[in-house]
PDB file of N, CA and C in Angstrom:
ATOM      1  N   VAL A   1       0.856  -1.167   0.000  1.00  0.00           N
ATOM      2  CA  VAL A   1       0.000   0.000   0.000  1.00  0.00           C
ATOM      3  C   VAL A   1       0.902   1.229   0.000  1.00  0.00           C
ATOM      4  N   PRO A   2       0.735   2.112  -0.971  1.00  0.00           N
ATOM      5  CA  PRO A   2       1.566   3.314  -1.008  1.00  0.00           C
ATOM      6  C   PRO A   2       1.096   4.345   0.010  1.00  0.00           C
ATOM      7  N   SER A   3       2.039   5.140   0.497  1.00  0.00           N
ATOM      8  CA  SER A   3       1.691   6.244   1.383  1.00  0.00           C
ATOM      9  C   SER A   3       2.593   7.427   1.068  1.00  0.00           C
ATOM     10  N   LEU A   4       2.137   8.608   1.430  1.00  0.00           N
ATOM     11  CA  LEU A   4       2.866   9.845   1.161  1.00  0.00           C
ATOM     12  C   LEU A   4       3.369  10.403   2.481  1.00  0.00           C
ATOM     13  N   THR A   5       4.665  10.685   2.554  1.00  0.00           N
ATOM     14  CA  THR A   5       5.245  11.301   3.742  1.00  0.00           C
ATOM     15  C   THR A   5       5.933  12.591   3.332  1.00  0.00           C
ATOM     16  N   TRP A   6       5.940  13.562   4.236  1.00  0.00           N
ATOM     17  CA  TRP A   6       6.562  14.858   3.986  1.00  0.00           C
ATOM     18  C   TRP A   6       7.712  15.046   4.964  1.00  0.00           C
ATOM     19  N   ASP A   7       8.799  15.616   4.481  1.00  0.00           N
ATOM     20  CA  ASP A   7       9.905  16.018   5.338  1.00  0.00           C
ATOM     21  C   ASP A   7      10.493  17.311   4.771  1.00  0.00           C
ATOM     22  N   GLU A   8      11.675  17.684   5.233  1.00  0.00           N
ATOM     23  CA  GLU A   8      12.282  18.944   4.775  1.00  0.00           C
ATOM     24  C   GLU A   8      12.537  18.948   3.270  1.00  0.00           C
ATOM     25  N   ALA A   9      12.781  17.780   2.689  1.00  0.00           N
ATOM     26  CA  ALA A   9      13.057  17.676   1.256  1.00  0.00           C
ATOM     27  C   ALA A   9      11.784  17.732   0.418  1.00  0.00           C
ATOM     28  N   GLY A  10      10.618  17.604   1.051  1.00  0.00           N
ATOM     29  CA  GLY A  10       9.359  17.631   0.327  1.00  0.00           C
ATOM     30  C   GLY A  10       8.648  16.297   0.395  1.00  0.00           C
ATOM     31  N   PRO A  11       7.686  16.066  -0.503  1.00  0.00           N
ATOM     32  CA  PRO A  11       6.916  14.820  -0.451  1.00  0.00           C
ATOM     33  C   PRO A  11       7.723  13.653  -1.009  1.00  0.00           C
ATOM     34  N   ARG A  12       7.493  12.486  -0.423  1.00  0.00           N
ATOM     35  CA  ARG A  12       8.087  11.278  -0.987  1.00  0.00           C
ATOM     36  C   ARG A  12       7.153  10.110  -0.726  1.00  0.00           C
ATOM     37  N   GLN A  13       7.261   9.136  -1.598  1.00  0.00           N
ATOM     38  CA  GLN A  13       6.380   7.981  -1.547  1.00  0.00           C
ATOM     39  C   GLN A  13       7.071   6.856  -0.785  1.00  0.00           C
ATOM     40  N   SER A  14       6.317   6.142   0.034  1.00  0.00           N
ATOM     41  CA  SER A  14       6.829   4.966   0.726  1.00  0.00           C
ATOM     42  C   SER A  14       5.789   3.859   0.614  1.00  0.00           C
ATOM     43  N   GLU A  15       6.210   2.647   0.895  1.00  0.00           N
ATOM     44  CA  GLU A  15       5.315   1.488   0.803  1.00  0.00           C
ATOM     45  C   GLU A  15       5.109   0.896   2.194  1.00  0.00           C
ATOM     46  N   GLN A  16       3.914   0.414   2.449  1.00  0.00           N
ATOM     47  CA  GLN A  16       3.598  -0.257   3.708  1.00  0.00           C
ATOM     48  C   GLN A  16       2.979  -1.611   3.401  1.00  0.00           C
ATOM     49  N   ALA A  17       3.008  -2.501   4.364  1.00  0.00           N
ATOM     50  CA  ALA A  17       2.387  -3.810   4.189  1.00  0.00           C
ATOM     51  C   ALA A  17       0.878  -3.631   4.035  1.00  0.00           C
ATOM     52  N   PRO A  18       0.239  -4.391   3.146  1.00  0.00           N
ATOM     53  CA  PRO A  18      -1.211  -4.228   2.943  1.00  0.00           C
ATOM     54  C   PRO A  18      -2.009  -4.628   4.182  1.00  0.00           C
ATOM     55  N   ALA A  19      -3.040  -3.846   4.454  1.00  0.00           N
ATOM     56  CA  ALA A  19      -3.890  -4.115   5.610  1.00  0.00           C
ATOM     57  C   ALA A  19      -4.985  -5.124   5.270  1.00  0.00           C
ATOM     58  N   ALA A  20      -5.454  -5.112   4.033  1.00  0.00           N
ATOM     59  CA  ALA A  20      -6.521  -6.025   3.624  1.00  0.00           C
ATOM     60  C   ALA A  20      -6.264  -6.481   2.197  1.00  0.00           C
ATOM     61  N   ALA A  21      -6.751  -7.651   1.881  1.00  0.00           N
ATOM     62  CA  ALA A  21      -6.608  -8.177   0.529  1.00  0.00           C
ATOM     63  C   ALA A  21      -7.971  -8.197  -0.143  1.00  0.00           C
ATOM     64  N   GLY A  22      -7.964  -8.194  -1.438  1.00  0.00           N
ATOM     65  CA  GLY A  22      -9.209  -8.243  -2.193  1.00  0.00           C
ATOM     66  C   GLY A  22      -9.105  -7.350  -3.414  1.00  0.00           C
ATOM     67  N   PRO A  23     -10.032  -7.513  -4.355  1.00  0.00           N
ATOM     68  CA  PRO A  23      -9.947  -6.734  -5.600  1.00  0.00           C
ATOM     69  C   PRO A  23     -10.130  -5.231  -5.383  1.00  0.00           C
ATOM     70  N   PHE A  24     -11.007  -4.843  -4.476  1.00  0.00           N
ATOM     71  CA  PHE A  24     -11.212  -3.414  -4.234  1.00  0.00           C
ATOM     72  C   PHE A  24      -9.966  -2.782  -3.614  1.00  0.00           C
ATOM     73  N   ALA A  25      -9.377  -3.466  -2.647  1.00  0.00           N
ATOM     74  CA  ALA A  25      -8.161  -2.963  -2.002  1.00  0.00           C
ATOM     75  C   ALA A  25      -7.012  -2.875  -3.002  1.00  0.00           C
ATOM     76  N   ALA A  26      -6.904  -3.851  -3.884  1.00  0.00           N
ATOM     77  CA  ALA A  26      -5.839  -3.842  -4.891  1.00  0.00           C
ATOM     78  C   ALA A  26      -6.038  -2.693  -5.878  1.00  0.00           C
ATOM     79  N   ALA A  27      -7.272  -2.478  -6.327  1.00  0.00           N
ATOM     80  CA  ALA A  27      -7.548  -1.379  -7.269  1.00  0.00           C
ATOM     81  C   ALA A  27      -7.303  -0.033  -6.610  1.00  0.00           C
ATOM     82  N   THR A  28      -7.710   0.123  -5.361  1.00  0.00           N
ATOM     83  CA  THR A  28      -7.484   1.371  -4.636  1.00  0.00           C
ATOM     84  C   THR A  28      -5.999   1.632  -4.441  1.00  0.00           C
ATOM     85  N   ALA A  29      -5.240   0.580  -4.148  1.00  0.00           N
ATOM     86  CA  ALA A  29      -3.791   0.730  -3.980  1.00  0.00           C
ATOM     87  C   ALA A  29      -3.130   1.153  -5.287  1.00  0.00           C
ATOM     88  N   LEU A  30      -3.583   0.624  -6.407  1.00  0.00           N
ATOM     89  CA  LEU A  30      -3.012   1.027  -7.708  1.00  0.00           C
ATOM     90  C   LEU A  30      -3.332   2.488  -8.015  1.00  0.00           C
ATOM     91  N   LEU A  31      -4.557   2.912  -7.742  1.00  0.00           N
ATOM     92  CA  LEU A  31      -4.914   4.321  -7.948  1.00  0.00           C
ATOM     93  C   LEU A  31      -4.089   5.232  -7.047  1.00  0.00           C
ATOM     94  N   ALA A  32      -3.922   4.831  -5.797  1.00  0.00           N
ATOM     95  CA  ALA A  32      -3.127   5.632  -4.865  1.00  0.00           C
ATOM     96  C   ALA A  32      -1.673   5.705  -5.314  1.00  0.00           C
ATOM     97  N   ARG A  33      -1.127   4.601  -5.794  1.00  0.00           N
ATOM     98  CA  ARG A  33       0.255   4.582  -6.263  1.00  0.00           C
ATOM     99  C   ARG A  33       0.435   5.545  -7.440  1.00  0.00           C
ATOM    100  N   ASP A  34      -0.501   5.528  -8.386  1.00  0.00           N
ATOM    101  CA  ASP A  34      -0.412   6.436  -9.540  1.00  0.00           C
ATOM    102  C   ASP A  34      -0.535   7.898  -9.110  1.00  0.00           C
ATOM    103  N   ALA A  35      -1.457   8.180  -8.185  1.00  0.00           N
ATOM    104  CA  ALA A  35      -1.619   9.554  -7.709  1.00  0.00           C
ATOM    105  C   ALA A  35      -0.367  10.038  -6.989  1.00  0.00           C
ATOM    106  N   LEU A  36       0.226   9.185  -6.192  1.00  0.00           N
ATOM    107  CA  LEU A  36       1.452   9.566  -5.485  1.00  0.00           C
ATOM    108  C   LEU A  36       2.616   9.756  -6.446  1.00  0.00           C
ATOM    109  N   ARG A  37       2.651   8.971  -7.497  1.00  0.00           N
ATOM    110  CA  ARG A  37       3.701   9.151  -8.512  1.00  0.00           C
ATOM    111  C   ARG A  37       3.586  10.525  -9.160  1.00  0.00           C
ATOM    112  N   VAL A  38       2.367  10.964  -9.413  1.00  0.00           N
ATOM    113  CA  VAL A  38       2.149  12.290 -10.002  1.00  0.00           C
ATOM    114  C   VAL A  38       2.626  13.377  -9.043  1.00  0.00           C
ATOM    115  N   LEU A  39       2.329  13.227  -7.764  1.00  0.00           N
ATOM    116  CA  LEU A  39       2.675  14.258  -6.785  1.00  0.00           C
ATOM    117  C   LEU A  39       4.157  14.290  -6.432  1.00  0.00           C
ATOM    118  N   THR A  40       4.830  13.146  -6.506  1.00  0.00           N
ATOM    119  CA  THR A  40       6.210  13.096  -6.040  1.00  0.00           C
ATOM    120  C   THR A  40       7.244  13.051  -7.151  1.00  0.00           C
ATOM    121  N   ASP A  41       6.852  12.960  -8.402  1.00  0.00           N
ATOM    122  CA  ASP A  41       7.812  12.898  -9.506  1.00  0.00           C
ATOM    123  C   ASP A  41       8.420  14.276  -9.734  1.00  0.00           C
ATOM    124  N   PRO A  42       9.736  14.448  -9.502  1.00  0.00           N
ATOM    125  CA  PRO A  42      10.337  15.773  -9.675  1.00  0.00           C
ATOM    126  C   PRO A  42      10.374  16.236 -11.126  1.00  0.00           C
ATOM    127  N   ALA A  43      10.332  15.313 -12.075  1.00  0.00           N
ATOM    128  CA  ALA A  43      10.370  15.691 -13.487  1.00  0.00           C
ATOM    129  C   ALA A  43       8.977  15.866 -14.075  1.00  0.00           C
ATOM    130  N   GLY A  44       7.943  15.549 -13.310  1.00  0.00           N
ATOM    131  CA  GLY A  44       6.574  15.619 -13.812  1.00  0.00           C
ATOM    132  C   GLY A  44       6.002  17.014 -13.726  1.00  0.00           C
ATOM    133  N   PRO A  45       4.781  17.177 -14.240  1.00  0.00           N
ATOM    134  CA  PRO A  45       4.131  18.488 -14.172  1.00  0.00           C
ATOM    135  C   PRO A  45       3.822  18.871 -12.731  1.00  0.00           C
ATOM    136  N   GLU A  46       3.836  20.161 -12.476  1.00  0.00           N
ATOM    137  CA  GLU A  46       3.654  20.682 -11.125  1.00  0.00           C
ATOM    138  C   GLU A  46       2.174  20.917 -10.825  1.00  0.00           C
ATOM    139  N   PRO A  47       1.653  20.389  -9.706  1.00  0.00           N
ATOM    140  CA  PRO A  47       0.270  20.698  -9.340  1.00  0.00           C
ATOM    141  C   PRO A  47       0.143  22.181  -8.975  1.00  0.00           C
ATOM    142  N   ALA A  48      -0.947  22.814  -9.422  1.00  0.00           N
ATOM    143  CA  ALA A  48      -1.161  24.234  -9.160  1.00  0.00           C
ATOM    144  C   ALA A  48      -2.641  24.484  -8.884  1.00  0.00           C
ATOM    145  N   PRO A  49      -2.952  25.473  -8.050  1.00  0.00           N
ATOM    146  CA  PRO A  49      -4.363  25.799  -7.809  1.00  0.00           C
ATOM    147  C   PRO A  49      -4.952  26.559  -8.993  1.00  0.00           C
ATOM    148  N   CYS A  50      -6.231  26.385  -9.214  1.00  0.00           N
ATOM    149  CA  CYS A  50      -6.919  27.109 -10.289  1.00  0.00           C
ATOM    150  C   CYS A  50      -6.949  28.596  -9.943  1.00  0.00           C
ATOM    151  N   GLY A  51      -6.740  29.446 -10.947  1.00  0.00           N
ATOM    152  CA  GLY A  51      -6.706  30.882 -10.739  1.00  0.00           C
ATOM    153  C   GLY A  51      -8.060  31.561 -10.800  1.00  0.00           C
ATOM    154  N   ALA A  52      -9.128  30.798 -11.043  1.00  0.00           N
ATOM    155  CA  ALA A  52     -10.461  31.385 -11.123  1.00  0.00           C
ATOM    156  C   ALA A  52     -11.003  31.664  -9.726  1.00  0.00           C
ATOM    157  N   HIS A  53     -11.696  32.794  -9.577  1.00  0.00           N
ATOM    158  CA  HIS A  53     -12.274  33.185  -8.292  1.00  0.00           C
ATOM    159  C   HIS A  53     -13.318  32.162  -7.866  1.00  0.00           C
ATOM    160  N   GLY A  54     -13.172  31.638  -6.669  1.00  0.00           N
ATOM    161  CA  GLY A  54     -14.148  30.699  -6.131  1.00  0.00           C
ATOM    162  C   GLY A  54     -13.899  29.247  -6.473  1.00  0.00           C
ATOM    163  N   CYS A  55     -12.945  28.947  -7.332  1.00  0.00           N
ATOM    164  CA  CYS A  55     -12.662  27.548  -7.691  1.00  0.00           C
ATOM    165  C   CYS A  55     -11.645  26.991  -6.703  1.00  0.00           C
ATOM    166  N   VAL A  56     -11.898  25.795  -6.210  1.00  0.00           N
ATOM    167  CA  VAL A  56     -11.018  25.172  -5.223  1.00  0.00           C
ATOM    168  C   VAL A  56     -10.239  23.996  -5.813  1.00  0.00           C
ATOM    169  N   ARG A  57     -10.324  23.809  -7.114  1.00  0.00           N
ATOM    170  CA  ARG A  57      -9.657  22.671  -7.751  1.00  0.00           C
ATOM    171  C   ARG A  57      -8.180  22.939  -7.980  1.00  0.00           C
ATOM    172  N   TRP A  58      -7.433  21.849  -8.077  1.00  0.00           N
ATOM    173  CA  TRP A  58      -6.022  21.882  -8.446  1.00  0.00           C
ATOM    174  C   TRP A  58      -5.897  21.153  -9.774  1.00  0.00           C
ATOM    175  N   PHE A  59      -4.881  21.478 -10.551  1.00  0.00           N
ATOM    176  CA  PHE A  59      -4.655  20.817 -11.825  1.00  0.00           C
ATOM    177  C   PHE A  59      -3.159  20.637 -12.034  1.00  0.00           C
ATOM    178  N   LEU A  60      -2.789  19.806 -13.002  1.00  0.00           N
ATOM    179  CA  LEU A  60      -1.383  19.611 -13.329  1.00  0.00           C
ATOM    180  C   LEU A  60      -0.990  20.632 -14.382  1.00  0.00           C
ATOM    181  N   ARG A  61      -0.095  21.516 -14.024  1.00  0.00           N
ATOM    182  CA  ARG A  61       0.328  22.575 -14.939  1.00  0.00           C
ATOM    183  C   ARG A  61       1.299  21.985 -15.953  1.00  0.00           C
ATOM    184  N   THR A  62       0.788  21.715 -17.157  1.00  0.00           N
ATOM    185  CA  THR A  62       1.607  21.145 -18.220  1.00  0.00           C
ATOM    186  C   THR A  62       2.203  22.224 -19.108  1.00  0.00           C
ATOM    187  N   HIS A  63       1.751  23.448 -18.959  1.00  0.00           N
ATOM    188  CA  HIS A  63       2.273  24.583 -19.716  1.00  0.00           C
ATOM    189  C   HIS A  63       2.336  25.783 -18.779  1.00  0.00           C
ATOM    190  N   ALA A  64       3.382  26.565 -18.896  1.00  0.00           N
ATOM    191  CA  ALA A  64       3.592  27.691 -17.976  1.00  0.00           C
ATOM    192  C   ALA A  64       2.466  28.726 -18.043  1.00  0.00           C
ATOM    193  N   ALA A  65       1.818  28.862 -19.198  1.00  0.00           N
ATOM    194  CA  ALA A  65       0.769  29.872 -19.343  1.00  0.00           C
ATOM    195  C   ALA A  65      -0.585  29.394 -18.822  1.00  0.00           C
ATOM    196  N   ARG A  66      -0.712  28.136 -18.535  1.00  0.00           N
ATOM    197  CA  ARG A  66      -2.013  27.617 -18.069  1.00  0.00           C
ATOM    198  C   ARG A  66      -2.274  28.100 -16.653  1.00  0.00           C
ATOM    199  N   GLN A  67      -3.462  28.682 -16.440  1.00  0.00           N
ATOM    200  CA  GLN A  67      -3.818  29.249 -15.140  1.00  0.00           C
ATOM    201  C   GLN A  67      -5.077  28.638 -14.538  1.00  0.00           C
ATOM    202  N   TRP A  68      -5.872  27.942 -15.346  1.00  0.00           N
ATOM    203  CA  TRP A  68      -7.171  27.468 -14.879  1.00  0.00           C
ATOM    204  C   TRP A  68      -7.276  25.962 -15.032  1.00  0.00           C
ATOM    205  N   CYS A  69      -8.139  25.359 -14.218  1.00  0.00           N
ATOM    206  CA  CYS A  69      -8.293  23.906 -14.224  1.00  0.00           C
ATOM    207  C   CYS A  69      -9.065  23.415 -15.444  1.00  0.00           C
ATOM    208  N   SER A  70      -9.914  24.266 -16.018  1.00  0.00           N
ATOM    209  CA  SER A  70     -10.735  23.850 -17.149  1.00  0.00           C
ATOM    210  C   SER A  70     -11.057  25.049 -18.036  1.00  0.00           C
ATOM    211  N   ASP A  71     -11.595  24.754 -19.208  1.00  0.00           N
ATOM    212  CA  ASP A  71     -12.045  25.831 -20.101  1.00  0.00           C
ATOM    213  C   ASP A  71     -13.189  26.618 -19.465  1.00  0.00           C
ATOM    214  N   ARG A  72     -14.005  25.941 -18.700  1.00  0.00           N
ATOM    215  CA  ARG A  72     -15.141  26.607 -18.048  1.00  0.00           C
ATOM    216  C   ARG A  72     -14.654  27.707 -17.093  1.00  0.00           C
ATOM    217  N   CYS A  73     -13.638  27.400 -16.280  1.00  0.00           N
ATOM    218  CA  CYS A  73     -13.096  28.422 -15.369  1.00  0.00           C
ATOM    219  C   CYS A  73     -12.449  29.554 -16.157  1.00  0.00           C
ATOM    220  N   GLY A  74     -11.702  29.221 -17.189  1.00  0.00           N
ATOM    221  CA  GLY A  74     -11.078  30.246 -18.014  1.00  0.00           C
ATOM    222  C   GLY A  74     -12.110  31.153 -18.669  1.00  0.00           C
ATOM    223  N   ASP A  75     -13.204  30.566 -19.166  1.00  0.00           N
ATOM    224  CA  ASP A  75     -14.270  31.361 -19.772  1.00  0.00           C
ATOM    225  C   ASP A  75     -14.924  32.292 -18.753  1.00  0.00           C
ATOM    226  N   ARG A  76     -15.128  31.798 -17.521  1.00  0.00           N
ATOM    227  CA  ARG A  76     -15.714  32.645 -16.480  1.00  0.00           C
ATOM    228  C   ARG A  76     -14.813  33.830 -16.158  1.00  0.00           C
ATOM    229  N   VAL A  77     -13.508  33.607 -16.074  1.00  0.00           N
ATOM    230  CA  VAL A  77     -12.568  34.692 -15.773  1.00  0.00           C
ATOM    231  C   VAL A  77     -12.552  35.707 -16.905  1.00  0.00           C
ATOM    232  N   ARG A  78     -12.496  35.232 -18.140  1.00  0.00           N
ATOM    233  CA  ARG A  78     -12.481  36.155 -19.284  1.00  0.00           C
ATOM    234  C   ARG A  78     -13.786  36.928 -19.398  1.00  0.00           C
ATOM    235  N   ALA A  79     -14.922  36.281 -19.128  1.00  0.00           N
ATOM    236  CA  ALA A  79     -16.212  36.977 -19.175  1.00  0.00           C
ATOM    237  C   ALA A  79     -16.293  38.030 -18.065  1.00  0.00           C
ATOM    238  N   ALA A  80     -15.787  37.723 -16.875  1.00  0.00           N
ATOM    239  CA  ALA A  80     -15.794  38.695 -15.780  1.00  0.00           C
ATOM    240  C   ALA A  80     -14.912  39.893 -16.109  1.00  0.00           C
ATOM    241  N   ARG A  81     -13.752  39.656 -16.714  1.00  0.00           N
ATOM    242  CA  ARG A  81     -12.873  40.761 -17.117  1.00  0.00           C
ATOM    243  C   ARG A  81     -13.547  41.633 -18.164  1.00  0.00           C
ATOM    244  N   HIS A  82     -14.196  41.004 -19.145  1.00  0.00           N
ATOM    245  CA  HIS A  82     -14.901  41.748 -20.200  1.00  0.00           C
ATOM    246  C   HIS A  82     -16.030  42.578 -19.591  1.00  0.00           C
ATOM    247  N   TYR A  83     -16.803  41.977 -18.695  1.00  0.00           N
ATOM    248  CA  TYR A  83     -17.910  42.682 -18.060  1.00  0.00           C
ATOM    249  C   TYR A  83     -17.389  43.863 -17.243  1.00  0.00           C
ATOM    250  N   ALA A  84     -16.292  43.667 -16.494  1.00  0.00           N
ATOM    251  CA  ALA A  84     -15.728  44.743 -15.678  1.00  0.00           C
ATOM    252  C   ALA A  84     -15.220  45.891 -16.540  1.00  0.00           C
ATOM    253  N   ARG A  85     -14.589  45.573 -17.675  1.00  0.00           N
ATOM    254  CA  ARG A  85     -14.096  46.614 -18.584  1.00  0.00           C
ATOM    255  C   ARG A  85     -15.233  47.438 -19.149  1.00  0.00           C
ATOM    256  N   HIS A  86     -16.260  46.764 -19.635  1.00  0.00           N
ATOM    257  CA  HIS A  86     -17.373  47.462 -20.271  1.00  0.00           C
ATOM    258  C   HIS A  86     -18.304  48.108 -19.267  1.00  0.00           C
ATOM    259  N   ARG A  87     -18.367  47.588 -18.075  1.00  0.00           N
ATOM    260  CA  ARG A  87     -19.205  48.165 -17.035  1.00  0.00           C
ATOM    261  C   ARG A  87     -18.589  49.468 -16.505  1.00  0.00           C
ATOM    262  N   SER A  88     -17.254  49.508 -16.408  1.00  0.00           N
ATOM    263  CA  SER A  88     -16.590  50.706 -15.889  1.00  0.00           C
ATOM    264  C   SER A  88     -16.585  51.852 -16.882  1.00  0.00           C
ATOM    265  N   THR A  89     -16.646  51.549 -18.192  1.00  0.00           N
ATOM    266  CA  THR A  89     -16.652  52.629 -19.203  1.00  0.00           C
ATOM    267  C   THR A  89     -18.039  53.209 -19.413  1.00  0.00           C
ATOM    268  N   ALA A  90     -19.066  52.462 -19.021  1.00  0.00           N
ATOM    269  CA  ALA A  90     -20.455  52.963 -19.243  1.00  0.00           C
ATOM    270  C   ALA A  90     -20.914  53.887 -18.164  1.00  0.00           C
TER     271      ALA A  90
END
């Protein structure tokens, strides 16, 4: 069973003896292992919070210019900026 530990160097993955056996436990352990690999891989994309107001999601920043978790959040931010620009000039 994979687990995530933090120290001064940052996050790192460790393994523990399985607590239970079965197909559900095995599938959950594989999902956890993949998620921990994403979080602890120094060469992988960096997790970042979404820049949209009110959004609490995190995403994997695969490009430096990416600021939002989805197109929907990006559209909301751009629409709010457009509304603020046109509202202030009227």
